[in-house]
N, C-alpha and C. Protein backbone atom coordinates (compact mmCIF):
# COMPACT_ATOMS: atom_id res chain seq x y z
N MET A 1 13.55 54.27 -6.97
CA MET A 1 14.02 54.43 -5.60
C MET A 1 13.01 53.77 -4.66
N THR A 2 13.51 53.01 -3.72
CA THR A 2 12.69 52.32 -2.73
C THR A 2 12.60 53.18 -1.48
N ARG A 3 11.37 53.48 -1.04
CA ARG A 3 11.16 54.23 0.20
C ARG A 3 10.68 53.26 1.27
N ILE A 4 11.21 53.41 2.46
CA ILE A 4 10.84 52.56 3.58
C ILE A 4 9.81 53.30 4.42
N ALA A 5 8.69 52.63 4.70
CA ALA A 5 7.65 53.23 5.52
C ALA A 5 8.11 53.32 6.97
N ILE A 6 7.80 54.45 7.58
CA ILE A 6 8.12 54.68 8.99
C ILE A 6 6.80 54.95 9.70
N SER A 7 6.42 54.06 10.59
CA SER A 7 5.16 54.18 11.32
C SER A 7 5.43 54.70 12.72
N ARG A 8 4.43 55.35 13.27
CA ARG A 8 4.57 55.94 14.60
C ARG A 8 3.63 55.24 15.59
N LEU A 9 4.16 54.88 16.74
CA LEU A 9 3.40 54.31 17.83
C LEU A 9 3.75 55.13 19.07
N GLY A 10 2.98 56.20 19.30
CA GLY A 10 3.34 57.14 20.37
C GLY A 10 4.64 57.83 20.01
N ARG A 11 5.62 57.70 20.90
CA ARG A 11 6.93 58.32 20.65
C ARG A 11 7.96 57.28 20.20
N ILE A 12 7.46 56.15 19.68
CA ILE A 12 8.32 55.12 19.12
C ILE A 12 8.03 55.01 17.63
N LEU A 13 9.09 54.91 16.84
CA LEU A 13 8.95 54.72 15.41
C LEU A 13 9.19 53.26 15.07
N LEU A 14 8.33 52.70 14.23
CA LEU A 14 8.45 51.32 13.78
C LEU A 14 8.87 51.33 12.32
N VAL A 15 9.93 50.58 12.03
CA VAL A 15 10.45 50.52 10.67
C VAL A 15 10.70 49.05 10.33
N THR A 16 10.18 48.62 9.19
CA THR A 16 10.43 47.26 8.73
C THR A 16 11.04 47.34 7.34
N ILE A 17 12.23 46.80 7.22
CA ILE A 17 12.89 46.75 5.91
C ILE A 17 12.58 45.38 5.33
N GLN A 18 11.83 45.36 4.22
CA GLN A 18 11.34 44.13 3.63
C GLN A 18 12.23 43.57 2.52
N GLN A 19 13.14 44.40 2.01
CA GLN A 19 13.98 43.97 0.89
C GLN A 19 15.34 44.61 0.99
N ASP A 20 16.31 44.00 0.30
CA ASP A 20 17.64 44.58 0.27
C ASP A 20 17.57 45.97 -0.34
N LEU A 21 18.36 46.88 0.19
CA LEU A 21 18.35 48.26 -0.29
C LEU A 21 19.63 48.55 -1.06
N ALA A 22 19.49 49.24 -2.17
CA ALA A 22 20.65 49.77 -2.88
C ALA A 22 21.28 50.83 -1.98
N ASP A 23 22.53 51.15 -2.20
CA ASP A 23 23.24 52.10 -1.35
C ASP A 23 22.52 53.45 -1.26
N ASP A 24 22.05 53.96 -2.40
CA ASP A 24 21.34 55.25 -2.39
C ASP A 24 20.04 55.16 -1.59
N ASP A 25 19.34 54.02 -1.70
CA ASP A 25 18.11 53.82 -0.94
C ASP A 25 18.40 53.74 0.56
N ALA A 26 19.50 53.11 0.93
CA ALA A 26 19.88 53.01 2.33
C ALA A 26 20.17 54.40 2.91
N LEU A 27 20.85 55.23 2.14
CA LEU A 27 21.14 56.59 2.61
C LEU A 27 19.87 57.43 2.69
N GLN A 28 18.95 57.23 1.74
CA GLN A 28 17.67 57.94 1.79
C GLN A 28 16.88 57.51 3.02
N PHE A 29 16.89 56.20 3.30
CA PHE A 29 16.23 55.67 4.50
C PHE A 29 16.81 56.32 5.75
N GLN A 30 18.13 56.40 5.81
CA GLN A 30 18.80 57.02 6.96
C GLN A 30 18.32 58.45 7.15
N SER A 31 18.30 59.22 6.08
CA SER A 31 17.86 60.61 6.13
C SER A 31 16.39 60.71 6.56
N ASP A 32 15.54 59.88 5.96
CA ASP A 32 14.10 59.89 6.30
C ASP A 32 13.89 59.55 7.77
N LEU A 33 14.59 58.54 8.27
CA LEU A 33 14.42 58.12 9.65
C LEU A 33 14.89 59.21 10.62
N LEU A 34 16.03 59.80 10.35
CA LEU A 34 16.54 60.86 11.24
C LEU A 34 15.59 62.06 11.25
N ASN A 35 15.04 62.41 10.09
CA ASN A 35 14.07 63.51 10.03
C ASN A 35 12.81 63.17 10.81
N ALA A 36 12.35 61.92 10.69
CA ALA A 36 11.16 61.50 11.43
C ALA A 36 11.41 61.53 12.94
N ILE A 37 12.59 61.10 13.37
CA ILE A 37 12.94 61.15 14.79
C ILE A 37 12.87 62.58 15.30
N ALA A 38 13.46 63.49 14.55
CA ALA A 38 13.47 64.90 14.96
C ALA A 38 12.06 65.50 14.93
N ASN A 39 11.29 65.19 13.91
CA ASN A 39 9.96 65.78 13.75
C ASN A 39 8.99 65.39 14.86
N VAL A 40 9.05 64.13 15.29
CA VAL A 40 8.10 63.67 16.32
C VAL A 40 8.75 63.57 17.69
N GLU A 41 10.02 63.97 17.77
CA GLU A 41 10.79 63.85 19.02
C GLU A 41 10.68 62.43 19.57
N ALA A 42 10.95 61.47 18.68
CA ALA A 42 10.84 60.06 19.03
C ALA A 42 11.84 59.70 20.12
N GLN A 43 11.40 58.87 21.03
CA GLN A 43 12.28 58.37 22.09
C GLN A 43 12.87 57.02 21.75
N GLY A 44 12.29 56.35 20.75
CA GLY A 44 12.80 55.04 20.38
C GLY A 44 12.48 54.67 18.95
N VAL A 45 13.29 53.75 18.42
CA VAL A 45 13.10 53.23 17.07
C VAL A 45 13.25 51.72 17.12
N ALA A 46 12.25 51.02 16.60
CA ALA A 46 12.33 49.57 16.44
C ALA A 46 12.54 49.30 14.95
N LEU A 47 13.71 48.77 14.62
CA LEU A 47 14.08 48.52 13.23
C LEU A 47 14.05 47.01 12.98
N ASP A 48 13.02 46.56 12.28
CA ASP A 48 12.83 45.13 12.02
C ASP A 48 13.48 44.76 10.69
N ILE A 49 14.51 43.91 10.75
CA ILE A 49 15.18 43.47 9.52
C ILE A 49 15.04 41.96 9.34
N SER A 50 14.01 41.38 9.93
CA SER A 50 13.83 39.92 9.87
C SER A 50 13.63 39.40 8.45
N ALA A 51 13.19 40.23 7.54
CA ALA A 51 12.97 39.80 6.15
C ALA A 51 14.26 39.78 5.34
N LEU A 52 15.34 40.32 5.88
CA LEU A 52 16.59 40.39 5.12
C LEU A 52 17.42 39.13 5.29
N ASP A 53 17.80 38.53 4.16
CA ASP A 53 18.69 37.38 4.19
C ASP A 53 20.15 37.78 4.13
N VAL A 54 20.39 39.03 3.71
CA VAL A 54 21.75 39.53 3.57
C VAL A 54 21.81 40.96 4.09
N VAL A 55 22.82 41.25 4.88
CA VAL A 55 23.13 42.62 5.27
C VAL A 55 24.62 42.80 4.96
N ASP A 56 24.90 43.60 3.94
CA ASP A 56 26.30 43.79 3.56
C ASP A 56 26.98 44.81 4.48
N SER A 57 28.25 44.99 4.30
CA SER A 57 29.01 45.88 5.19
C SER A 57 28.52 47.33 5.09
N PHE A 58 28.08 47.75 3.91
CA PHE A 58 27.57 49.12 3.77
C PHE A 58 26.29 49.30 4.58
N MET A 59 25.36 48.35 4.45
CA MET A 59 24.09 48.44 5.20
C MET A 59 24.36 48.35 6.70
N ALA A 60 25.29 47.51 7.11
CA ALA A 60 25.65 47.43 8.53
C ALA A 60 26.18 48.77 9.02
N ARG A 61 27.00 49.43 8.20
CA ARG A 61 27.52 50.75 8.57
C ARG A 61 26.40 51.78 8.64
N VAL A 62 25.45 51.72 7.70
CA VAL A 62 24.32 52.64 7.73
C VAL A 62 23.51 52.44 9.01
N ILE A 63 23.26 51.19 9.39
CA ILE A 63 22.52 50.93 10.63
C ILE A 63 23.29 51.44 11.84
N ASN A 64 24.60 51.17 11.89
CA ASN A 64 25.43 51.67 13.00
C ASN A 64 25.43 53.19 13.06
N ASP A 65 25.66 53.83 11.92
CA ASP A 65 25.71 55.29 11.89
C ASP A 65 24.35 55.90 12.24
N THR A 66 23.28 55.30 11.73
CA THR A 66 21.94 55.79 12.03
C THR A 66 21.65 55.66 13.52
N SER A 67 22.05 54.55 14.12
CA SER A 67 21.86 54.36 15.56
C SER A 67 22.61 55.42 16.37
N ALA A 68 23.84 55.70 15.97
CA ALA A 68 24.62 56.73 16.66
C ALA A 68 23.99 58.10 16.50
N MET A 69 23.52 58.41 15.29
CA MET A 69 22.88 59.71 15.05
C MET A 69 21.56 59.81 15.81
N ALA A 70 20.80 58.72 15.85
CA ALA A 70 19.53 58.71 16.58
C ALA A 70 19.79 58.95 18.07
N ALA A 71 20.84 58.34 18.60
CA ALA A 71 21.18 58.54 20.00
C ALA A 71 21.50 60.01 20.28
N MET A 72 22.17 60.66 19.34
CA MET A 72 22.47 62.09 19.49
C MET A 72 21.19 62.92 19.51
N LEU A 73 20.15 62.42 18.85
CA LEU A 73 18.86 63.11 18.84
C LEU A 73 18.00 62.73 20.04
N GLY A 74 18.46 61.74 20.81
CA GLY A 74 17.73 61.34 22.02
C GLY A 74 16.88 60.10 21.87
N ALA A 75 17.09 59.31 20.83
CA ALA A 75 16.28 58.11 20.60
C ALA A 75 17.09 56.84 20.79
N GLU A 76 16.49 55.86 21.45
CA GLU A 76 17.05 54.52 21.56
C GLU A 76 16.75 53.78 20.26
N VAL A 77 17.65 52.89 19.83
CA VAL A 77 17.42 52.09 18.64
C VAL A 77 17.60 50.61 18.98
N ILE A 78 16.62 49.82 18.57
CA ILE A 78 16.69 48.37 18.73
C ILE A 78 16.51 47.75 17.35
N VAL A 79 17.45 46.88 16.97
CA VAL A 79 17.35 46.15 15.71
C VAL A 79 16.73 44.79 16.03
N CYS A 80 15.66 44.47 15.34
CA CYS A 80 14.90 43.25 15.62
C CYS A 80 15.00 42.25 14.48
N GLY A 81 15.11 40.97 14.84
CA GLY A 81 14.96 39.91 13.86
C GLY A 81 16.15 39.61 12.97
N ILE A 82 17.36 39.82 13.46
CA ILE A 82 18.52 39.48 12.63
C ILE A 82 18.54 37.97 12.43
N GLN A 83 18.61 37.55 11.18
CA GLN A 83 18.67 36.13 10.86
C GLN A 83 20.03 35.55 11.26
N PRO A 84 20.08 34.28 11.67
CA PRO A 84 21.35 33.68 12.12
C PRO A 84 22.48 33.81 11.10
N PHE A 85 22.18 33.57 9.82
CA PHE A 85 23.23 33.67 8.81
C PHE A 85 23.73 35.11 8.68
N VAL A 86 22.82 36.08 8.82
CA VAL A 86 23.20 37.49 8.76
C VAL A 86 24.12 37.82 9.93
N ALA A 87 23.78 37.36 11.14
CA ALA A 87 24.62 37.61 12.31
C ALA A 87 26.00 37.00 12.11
N TYR A 88 26.04 35.77 11.62
CA TYR A 88 27.31 35.09 11.37
C TYR A 88 28.16 35.88 10.38
N THR A 89 27.54 36.29 9.28
CA THR A 89 28.26 37.03 8.24
C THR A 89 28.78 38.37 8.77
N LEU A 90 27.94 39.08 9.52
CA LEU A 90 28.37 40.38 10.06
C LEU A 90 29.57 40.23 10.98
N VAL A 91 29.56 39.23 11.83
CA VAL A 91 30.68 39.01 12.74
C VAL A 91 31.93 38.60 11.96
N GLU A 92 31.76 37.74 10.97
CA GLU A 92 32.90 37.33 10.14
C GLU A 92 33.53 38.53 9.42
N MET A 93 32.68 39.49 9.00
CA MET A 93 33.19 40.68 8.30
C MET A 93 33.71 41.73 9.28
N GLY A 94 33.50 41.51 10.58
CA GLY A 94 33.93 42.50 11.57
C GLY A 94 32.98 43.69 11.63
N CYS A 95 31.72 43.48 11.27
CA CYS A 95 30.72 44.56 11.22
C CYS A 95 29.64 44.36 12.26
N ALA A 96 30.00 44.32 13.51
CA ALA A 96 28.99 44.17 14.56
C ALA A 96 28.13 45.43 14.62
N LEU A 97 26.87 45.27 15.02
CA LEU A 97 25.97 46.42 15.16
C LEU A 97 26.16 47.00 16.56
N LEU A 98 27.16 47.85 16.69
CA LEU A 98 27.57 48.35 17.99
C LEU A 98 26.66 49.43 18.54
N GLY A 99 26.01 50.19 17.66
CA GLY A 99 25.24 51.33 18.12
C GLY A 99 23.80 51.02 18.50
N ALA A 100 23.40 49.77 18.35
CA ALA A 100 22.01 49.43 18.59
C ALA A 100 21.90 48.16 19.43
N GLY A 101 20.83 48.09 20.21
CA GLY A 101 20.51 46.85 20.88
C GLY A 101 19.89 45.91 19.86
N CYS A 102 19.88 44.63 20.16
CA CYS A 102 19.30 43.65 19.23
C CYS A 102 18.39 42.71 19.99
N THR A 103 17.30 42.31 19.34
CA THR A 103 16.37 41.33 19.91
C THR A 103 15.97 40.34 18.83
N PHE A 104 15.38 39.20 19.27
CA PHE A 104 14.94 38.17 18.34
C PHE A 104 13.83 38.64 17.42
N ASN A 105 12.90 39.44 17.97
CA ASN A 105 11.73 39.82 17.17
C ASN A 105 11.22 41.20 17.58
N LEU A 106 10.24 41.69 16.85
CA LEU A 106 9.69 43.02 17.07
C LEU A 106 9.03 43.14 18.44
N GLU A 107 8.32 42.12 18.86
CA GLU A 107 7.66 42.16 20.17
C GLU A 107 8.68 42.37 21.29
N GLN A 108 9.77 41.61 21.26
CA GLN A 108 10.82 41.79 22.26
C GLN A 108 11.48 43.16 22.11
N GLY A 109 11.62 43.62 20.88
CA GLY A 109 12.22 44.93 20.65
C GLY A 109 11.41 46.05 21.25
N LEU A 110 10.10 45.99 21.08
CA LEU A 110 9.23 47.01 21.66
C LEU A 110 9.27 46.96 23.18
N ARG A 111 9.30 45.76 23.74
CA ARG A 111 9.37 45.62 25.20
C ARG A 111 10.69 46.22 25.72
N LEU A 112 11.80 45.92 25.05
CA LEU A 112 13.10 46.46 25.47
C LEU A 112 13.13 47.98 25.33
N LEU A 113 12.56 48.50 24.24
CA LEU A 113 12.49 49.95 24.07
C LEU A 113 11.72 50.60 25.22
N GLN A 114 10.57 50.03 25.56
CA GLN A 114 9.76 50.58 26.65
C GLN A 114 10.54 50.57 27.96
N GLU A 115 11.28 49.48 28.23
CA GLU A 115 12.08 49.40 29.45
C GLU A 115 13.15 50.49 29.47
N ARG A 116 13.87 50.63 28.36
CA ARG A 116 14.93 51.63 28.29
C ARG A 116 14.38 53.05 28.40
N ILE A 117 13.30 53.30 27.70
CA ILE A 117 12.71 54.64 27.71
C ILE A 117 12.18 54.99 29.09
N SER A 118 11.55 54.04 29.76
CA SER A 118 10.96 54.33 31.08
C SER A 118 12.01 54.65 32.13
N LYS A 119 13.26 54.26 31.90
CA LYS A 119 14.34 54.55 32.85
C LYS A 119 15.00 55.90 32.60
N ARG A 120 14.66 56.54 31.50
CA ARG A 120 15.30 57.79 31.13
C ARG A 120 14.70 58.96 31.89
N ALA A 121 15.52 59.93 32.20
CA ALA A 121 15.07 61.12 32.93
C ALA A 121 14.04 61.91 32.13
N ASP A 122 14.22 62.00 30.80
CA ASP A 122 13.27 62.79 30.01
C ASP A 122 11.89 62.14 29.99
N TYR A 123 11.82 60.82 30.04
CA TYR A 123 10.53 60.13 30.10
C TYR A 123 9.88 60.36 31.45
N GLN A 124 10.66 60.24 32.51
CA GLN A 124 10.11 60.44 33.85
C GLN A 124 9.61 61.87 34.02
N GLN A 125 10.31 62.85 33.46
CA GLN A 125 9.87 64.22 33.54
C GLN A 125 8.59 64.42 32.73
N MET A 126 8.48 63.79 31.57
CA MET A 126 7.29 63.89 30.75
C MET A 126 6.09 63.29 31.49
N GLU A 127 6.29 62.16 32.18
CA GLU A 127 5.22 61.53 32.95
C GLU A 127 4.76 62.46 34.07
N GLU A 128 5.70 63.09 34.75
CA GLU A 128 5.37 64.01 35.84
C GLU A 128 4.59 65.20 35.30
N ASP A 129 4.99 65.73 34.16
CA ASP A 129 4.31 66.86 33.54
C ASP A 129 2.89 66.48 33.15
N ASP A 130 2.71 65.26 32.62
CA ASP A 130 1.37 64.80 32.25
C ASP A 130 0.46 64.68 33.46
N HIS A 131 0.99 64.20 34.59
CA HIS A 131 0.19 64.04 35.79
C HIS A 131 -0.12 65.38 36.45
N ALA A 132 0.72 66.38 36.23
CA ALA A 132 0.51 67.71 36.81
C ALA A 132 -0.65 68.44 36.12
N HIS A 133 -0.90 68.09 34.86
CA HIS A 133 -1.97 68.77 34.10
C HIS A 133 -3.21 68.04 34.30
């Protein structure tokens, strides 16, 4: 079984998928990521898939479902580094990544996450609470 490392940068989780995942591994990744979001009360997730040459319909569904579930937990999700052929294939299959924002690379993804998070009411309230103490 392949486990995907989930790193924490403040209240943002960084995830890089380096290899194609078997279906069971993809579901385990989904479970691990959702648990990590809940445990650290993450406000955002940067999911870097730039190393993947192929994203099949099952993996696309896992990413979409995970993004929707993360949103229910209060986290923004940005998918970073989709390769052109992967984007073409996903659109041809009718599997757009609807639940997540997308950027060219991780740096842009982190910037977009920070922008989105800073506009949220829960972030603004957290900032006010920090300044009050």
